[in-house]
C-alpha atoms as a PDB file:
ATOM      1  CA  MET A   1       0.000   0.000   0.000  1.00  0.00           C
ATOM      2  CA  GLY A   2       1.209   3.464  -0.751  1.00  0.00           C
ATOM      3  CA  GLU A   3      -0.243   6.822   0.075  1.00  0.00           C
ATOM      4  CA  CYS A   4       0.261  10.489  -0.578  1.00  0.00           C
ATOM      5  CA  LEU A   5      -2.142  13.393  -0.207  1.00  0.00           C
ATOM      6  CA  ASP A   6      -4.060  12.888  -3.451  1.00  0.00           C
ATOM      7  CA  ALA A   7      -3.323   9.254  -4.413  1.00  0.00           C
ATOM      8  CA  ILE A   8      -3.476   5.697  -3.112  1.00  0.00           C
ATOM      9  CA  CYS A   9      -1.621   2.738  -4.614  1.00  0.00           C
ATOM     10  CA  PHE A  10      -1.942  -0.917  -3.719  1.00  0.00           C
ATOM     11  CA  ALA A  11      -1.296  -4.350  -5.174  1.00  0.00           C
ATOM     12  CA  PHE A  12      -2.748  -7.784  -4.667  1.00  0.00           C
ATOM     13  CA  PRO A  13      -1.989 -11.299  -5.892  1.00  0.00           C
ATOM     14  CA  GLY A  14      -3.990 -12.620  -8.810  1.00  0.00           C
ATOM     15  CA  LYS A  15      -5.832 -11.174 -11.770  1.00  0.00           C
ATOM     16  CA  VAL A  16      -9.117  -9.357 -11.515  1.00  0.00           C
ATOM     17  CA  ALA A  17     -11.886 -11.679 -12.676  1.00  0.00           C
ATOM     18  CA  GLY A  18     -14.430 -10.447 -15.161  1.00  0.00           C
ATOM     19  CA  LYS A  19     -17.716  -9.094 -13.832  1.00  0.00           C
ATOM     20  CA  GLY A  20     -20.363 -11.761 -14.353  1.00  0.00           C
ATOM     21  CA  ARG A  21     -23.689 -10.850 -15.886  1.00  0.00           C
ATOM     22  CA  PRO A  22     -26.612 -10.626 -13.484  1.00  0.00           C
ATOM     23  CA  ARG A  23     -28.715 -13.764 -13.248  1.00  0.00           C
ATOM     24  CA  PHE A  24     -32.470 -13.992 -13.087  1.00  0.00           C
ATOM     25  CA  SER A  25     -34.758 -16.521 -11.470  1.00  0.00           C
ATOM     26  CA  SER A  26     -38.487 -16.820 -11.033  1.00  0.00           C
ATOM     27  CA  ARG A  27     -40.249 -17.886  -7.850  1.00  0.00           C
ATOM     28  CA  GLY A  28     -43.929 -17.613  -7.219  1.00  0.00           C
ATOM     29  CA  GLY A  29     -44.371 -15.507 -10.328  1.00  0.00           C
ATOM     30  CA  LYS A  30     -41.821 -12.921  -9.152  1.00  0.00           C
ATOM     31  CA  ILE A  31     -38.571 -12.344 -10.992  1.00  0.00           C
ATOM     32  CA  ARG A  32     -35.482 -12.073  -8.838  1.00  0.00           C
ATOM     33  CA  THR A  33     -32.127 -10.658  -9.971  1.00  0.00           C
ATOM     34  CA  PHE A  34     -28.890 -11.783  -8.324  1.00  0.00           C
ATOM     35  CA  THR A  35     -25.129 -11.531  -8.743  1.00  0.00           C
ATOM     36  CA  PRO A  36     -23.331 -14.826  -9.469  1.00  0.00           C
ATOM     37  CA  ALA A  37     -21.401 -16.273  -6.482  1.00  0.00           C
ATOM     38  CA  LYS A  38     -18.100 -16.199  -8.419  1.00  0.00           C
ATOM     39  CA  THR A  39     -18.498 -12.452  -9.022  1.00  0.00           C
ATOM     40  CA  ARG A  40     -19.413 -11.781  -5.376  1.00  0.00           C
ATOM     41  CA  ALA A  41     -16.318 -13.699  -4.214  1.00  0.00           C
ATOM     42  CA  ALA A  42     -14.048 -11.765  -6.605  1.00  0.00           C
ATOM     43  CA  GLU A  43     -15.532  -8.433  -5.471  1.00  0.00           C
ATOM     44  CA  THR A  44     -14.993  -9.379  -1.808  1.00  0.00           C
ATOM     45  CA  PHE A  45     -11.351 -10.237  -2.550  1.00  0.00           C
ATOM     46  CA  VAL A  46     -10.708  -6.840  -4.191  1.00  0.00           C
ATOM     47  CA  LYS A  47     -12.598  -5.018  -1.403  1.00  0.00           C
ATOM     48  CA  THR A  48     -10.290  -6.585   1.200  1.00  0.00           C
ATOM     49  CA  PHE A  49      -7.198  -5.016  -0.360  1.00  0.00           C
ATOM     50  CA  GLY A  50      -8.997  -1.739  -1.063  1.00  0.00           C
ATOM     51  CA  ARG A  51     -10.053  -1.445   2.599  1.00  0.00           C
ATOM     52  CA  GLN A  52      -6.468  -2.077   3.732  1.00  0.00           C
ATOM     53  CA  ALA A  53      -5.156   0.632   1.398  1.00  0.00           C
ATOM     54  CA  PHE A  54      -7.826   3.155   2.441  1.00  0.00           C
ATOM     55  CA  ALA A  55      -7.775   2.268   6.162  1.00  0.00           C
ATOM     56  CA  GLY A  56      -8.700   5.381   8.164  1.00  0.00           C
ATOM     57  CA  ARG A  57      -9.254   7.430   5.036  1.00  0.00           C
ATOM     58  CA  ALA A  58     -12.516   8.587   3.497  1.00  0.00           C
ATOM     59  CA  PRO A  59     -13.289   7.703  -0.129  1.00  0.00           C
ATOM     60  CA  PHE A  60     -12.279  10.249  -2.740  1.00  0.00           C
ATOM     61  CA  ASN A  61     -15.001  12.755  -3.490  1.00  0.00           C
ATOM     62  CA  GLY A  62     -14.912  14.253  -6.964  1.00  0.00           C
ATOM     63  CA  PRO A  63     -13.248  13.061 -10.174  1.00  0.00           C
ATOM     64  CA  VAL A  64     -10.580  10.355  -9.921  1.00  0.00           C
ATOM     65  CA  SER A  65      -8.044   8.692 -12.169  1.00  0.00           C
ATOM     66  CA  LEU A  66      -7.771   4.893 -12.057  1.00  0.00           C
ATOM     67  CA  SER A  67      -4.669   3.085 -13.329  1.00  0.00           C
ATOM     68  CA  VAL A  68      -4.531  -0.701 -13.259  1.00  0.00           C
ATOM     69  CA  CYS A  69      -1.798  -3.065 -14.382  1.00  0.00           C
ATOM     70  CA  MET A  70      -2.366  -6.809 -14.387  1.00  0.00           C
ATOM     71  CA  MET A  71       0.876  -8.784 -14.559  1.00  0.00           C
ATOM     72  CA  VAL A  72       0.205 -12.344 -15.751  1.00  0.00           C
ATOM     73  CA  ALA A  73       2.642 -15.232 -15.345  1.00  0.00           C
ATOM     74  CA  ILE A  74       3.503 -16.871 -18.655  1.00  0.00           C
ATOM     75  CA  PRO A  75       2.139 -20.443 -18.778  1.00  0.00           C
ATOM     76  CA  LYS A  76       4.932 -22.997 -18.325  1.00  0.00           C
ATOM     77  CA  SER A  77       3.399 -25.145 -21.061  1.00  0.00           C
ATOM     78  CA  TRP A  78       4.218 -22.518 -23.713  1.00  0.00           C
ATOM     79  CA  SER A  79       7.190 -23.090 -26.006  1.00  0.00           C
ATOM     80  CA  ARG A  80      10.334 -21.054 -25.470  1.00  0.00           C
ATOM     81  CA  ALA A  81       9.673 -19.045 -28.644  1.00  0.00           C
ATOM     82  CA  LYS A  82       6.120 -18.258 -27.571  1.00  0.00           C
ATOM     83  CA  ARG A  83       7.285 -17.248 -24.044  1.00  0.00           C
ATOM     84  CA  GLU A  84       9.966 -14.944 -25.477  1.00  0.00           C
ATOM     85  CA  ASN A  85       7.427 -13.141 -27.674  1.00  0.00           C
ATOM     86  CA  ALA A  86       4.677 -12.884 -25.067  1.00  0.00           C
ATOM     87  CA  TYR A  87       3.845  -9.374 -23.865  1.00  0.00           C
ATOM     88  CA  TRP A  88       0.218  -8.253 -24.293  1.00  0.00           C
ATOM     89  CA  VAL A  89      -2.473 -10.424 -22.733  1.00  0.00           C
ATOM     90  CA  THR A  90      -5.405 -10.806 -25.112  1.00  0.00           C
ATOM     91  CA  ALA A  91      -7.166 -13.704 -23.363  1.00  0.00           C
ATOM     92  CA  LYS A  92     -10.484 -13.802 -21.509  1.00  0.00           C
ATOM     93  CA  PRO A  93     -11.855 -12.234 -19.417  1.00  0.00           C
ATOM     94  CA  ASP A  94     -12.379  -9.070 -21.445  1.00  0.00           C
ATOM     95  CA  ILE A  95     -10.582  -6.040 -20.057  1.00  0.00           C
ATOM     96  CA  ASP A  96     -13.809  -4.015 -19.773  1.00  0.00           C
ATOM     97  CA  ASN A  97     -15.393  -6.711 -17.584  1.00  0.00           C
ATOM     98  CA  THR A  98     -12.342  -6.774 -15.288  1.00  0.00           C
ATOM     99  CA  LEU A  99     -12.456  -2.983 -15.019  1.00  0.00           C
ATOM    100  CA  LYS A 100     -16.165  -3.093 -14.166  1.00  0.00           C
ATOM    101  CA  LEU A 101     -15.593  -5.626 -11.363  1.00  0.00           C
ATOM    102  CA  LEU A 102     -12.729  -3.559  -9.932  1.00  0.00           C
ATOM    103  CA  ALA A 103     -14.692  -0.294 -10.120  1.00  0.00           C
ATOM    104  CA  ASP A 104     -17.805  -1.803  -8.528  1.00  0.00           C
ATOM    105  CA  SER A 105     -15.738  -3.487  -5.800  1.00  0.00           C
ATOM    106  CA  LEU A 106     -14.217  -0.197  -4.670  1.00  0.00           C
ATOM    107  CA  ASN A 107     -17.522   1.729  -4.439  1.00  0.00           C
ATOM    108  CA  GLY A 108     -17.729   3.301  -0.984  1.00  0.00           C
ATOM    109  CA  ILE A 109     -14.049   2.461  -0.312  1.00  0.00           C
ATOM    110  CA  ALA A 110     -11.933   4.326  -2.890  1.00  0.00           C
ATOM    111  CA  TRP A 111     -14.674   6.584  -4.228  1.00  0.00           C
ATOM    112  CA  VAL A 112     -18.251   7.292  -3.310  1.00  0.00           C
ATOM    113  CA  ASP A 113     -19.453   5.863  -6.647  1.00  0.00           C
ATOM    114  CA  ASP A 114     -17.580   4.556  -9.682  1.00  0.00           C
ATOM    115  CA  SER A 115     -19.241   7.244 -11.796  1.00  0.00           C
ATOM    116  CA  GLN A 116     -16.477   9.510 -10.384  1.00  0.00           C
ATOM    117  CA  ILE A 117     -13.852   7.730 -12.518  1.00  0.00           C
ATOM    118  CA  ALA A 118     -12.971  10.303 -15.172  1.00  0.00           C
ATOM    119  CA  ASP A 119      -9.601   8.953 -16.349  1.00  0.00           C
ATOM    120  CA  VAL A 120      -8.753   5.264 -16.828  1.00  0.00           C
ATOM    121  CA  HIS A 121      -5.636   3.370 -17.845  1.00  0.00           C
ATOM    122  CA  VAL A 122      -5.738  -0.449 -17.804  1.00  0.00           C
ATOM    123  CA  THR A 123      -2.897  -2.683 -18.957  1.00  0.00           C
ATOM    124  CA  ARG A 124      -2.616  -6.481 -19.077  1.00  0.00           C
ATOM    125  CA  VAL A 125       0.854  -7.834 -19.804  1.00  0.00           C
ATOM    126  CA  TYR A 126       2.738 -11.091 -19.447  1.00  0.00           C
ATOM    127  CA  SER A 127       5.640 -10.955 -17.015  1.00  0.00           C
ATOM    128  CA  PRO A 128       8.620 -13.129 -17.953  1.00  0.00           C
ATOM    129  CA  THR A 129       9.782 -13.269 -14.322  1.00  0.00           C
ATOM    130  CA  ALA A 130       6.491 -13.573 -12.432  1.00  0.00           C
ATOM    131  CA  THR A 131       5.557 -16.922 -10.956  1.00  0.00           C
ATOM    132  CA  ILE A 132       2.122 -15.700  -9.850  1.00  0.00           C
ATOM    133  CA  ASP A 133      -0.304 -13.216 -11.346  1.00  0.00           C
ATOM    134  CA  ARG A 134      -0.658  -9.847  -9.613  1.00  0.00           C
ATOM    135  CA  THR A 135      -2.649  -6.670 -10.038  1.00  0.00           C
ATOM    136  CA  MET A 136      -1.461  -3.163  -9.223  1.00  0.00           C
ATOM    137  CA  VAL A 137      -3.905  -0.293  -8.713  1.00  0.00           C
ATOM    138  CA  SER A 138      -3.282   3.453  -8.515  1.00  0.00           C
ATOM    139  CA  ILE A 139      -6.122   5.851  -7.696  1.00  0.00           C
ATOM    140  CA  GLU A 140      -5.572   9.598  -7.844  1.00  0.00           C
ATOM    141  CA  SER A 141      -7.846  12.521  -7.137  1.00  0.00           C
ATOM    142  CA  LEU A 142      -8.194  14.810 -10.145  1.00  0.00           C
ATOM    143  CA  ARG A 143      -9.640  17.619  -8.088  1.00  0.00           C
ATOM    144  CA  ASN A 144      -6.415  19.646  -7.976  1.00  0.00           C
ATOM    145  CA  ARG A 145      -4.880  18.514 -11.254  1.00  0.00           C
ATOM    146  CA  PRO A 146      -4.588  21.148 -13.987  1.00  0.00           C
ATOM    147  CA  ARG A 147      -6.990  20.374 -16.819  1.00  0.00           C
ATOM    148  CA  HIS A 148      -4.277  20.284 -19.468  1.00  0.00           C
ATOM    149  CA  ALA A 149      -1.976  17.796 -17.672  1.00  0.00           C
ATOM    150  CA  PRO A 150      -2.519  14.224 -18.913  1.00  0.00           C
ATOM    151  CA  ASN A 151      -1.832  11.229 -16.655  1.00  0.00           C
ATOM    152  CA  CYS A 152       1.308  10.000 -18.431  1.00  0.00           C
ATOM    153  CA  ASP A 153       3.584   9.180 -15.526  1.00  0.00           C
ATOM    154  CA  TYR A 154       2.259   5.739 -14.579  1.00  0.00           C
ATOM    155  CA  HIS A 155       5.110   3.221 -14.661  1.00  0.00           C
ATOM    156  CA  VAL A 156       5.014  -0.491 -13.939  1.00  0.00           C
ATOM    157  CA  ASP A 157       7.571  -3.254 -14.078  1.00  0.00           C
ATOM    158  CA  GLN A 158       7.519  -6.770 -12.708  1.00  0.00           C
ATOM    159  CA  TYR A 159       9.035  -5.837  -9.339  1.00  0.00           C
ATOM    160  CA  GLU A 160       7.819  -2.357  -8.517  1.00  0.00           C
ATOM    161  CA  PHE A 161       5.200   0.091  -9.536  1.00  0.00           C
ATOM    162  CA  GLU A 162       5.192   3.838  -9.266  1.00  0.00           C
ATOM    163  CA  CYS A 163       2.087   5.599  -8.098  1.00  0.00           C
ATOM    164  CA  THR A 164       1.072   8.693 -10.021  1.00  0.00           C
ATOM    165  CA  CYS A 165       2.290  10.711  -7.026  1.00  0.00           C
ATOM    166  CA  GLY A 166       5.840   9.335  -7.448  1.00  0.00           C
ATOM    167  CA  LEU A 167       5.679   6.912  -4.494  1.00  0.00           C
ATOM    168  CA  ARG A 168       7.383   3.591  -5.363  1.00  0.00           C
ATOM    169  CA  ARG A 169       6.086   0.293  -3.954  1.00  0.00           C
ATOM    170  CA  LYS A 170       7.218  -3.304  -4.124  1.00  0.00           C
ATOM    171  CA  ALA A 171       4.700  -5.365  -6.052  1.00  0.00           C
ATOM    172  CA  ALA A 172       2.852  -8.056  -4.102  1.00  0.00           C
END
């Protein structure tokens, strides 16, 4: 976990699962909507790390920037040539579904509501040195950022990540 005045950074083991579609059932002529158990479990996992990072701190109020990097271990079954050329992850789950699960999980913890997310950067890459998957998250308030300054200073490698505030953390 990392912290500065306007940003919070944290990491956790594993990839973010994709947000499952709501399910519907009918009982006694009434339709009931529910979230799949796998999605609820994944949201609880992300919430645990979000609560640790934001311990004693109120959620951001106002526009925020969200940067996420998912580092994925290269499968051992891949050939040497395929491992050497692996960089971008293009496998399921879709990146928009993983972002949705992460954003929904941090409602009331990192921000009041995920509608506050005004700037997003999500990256999924294979890590040649990682033995386990891990996800790194950086959340920054945009309240005091000049309107012309883009969020270009997010840096990630397989061992460390740099929060947008410049704070460096060891990856989980």
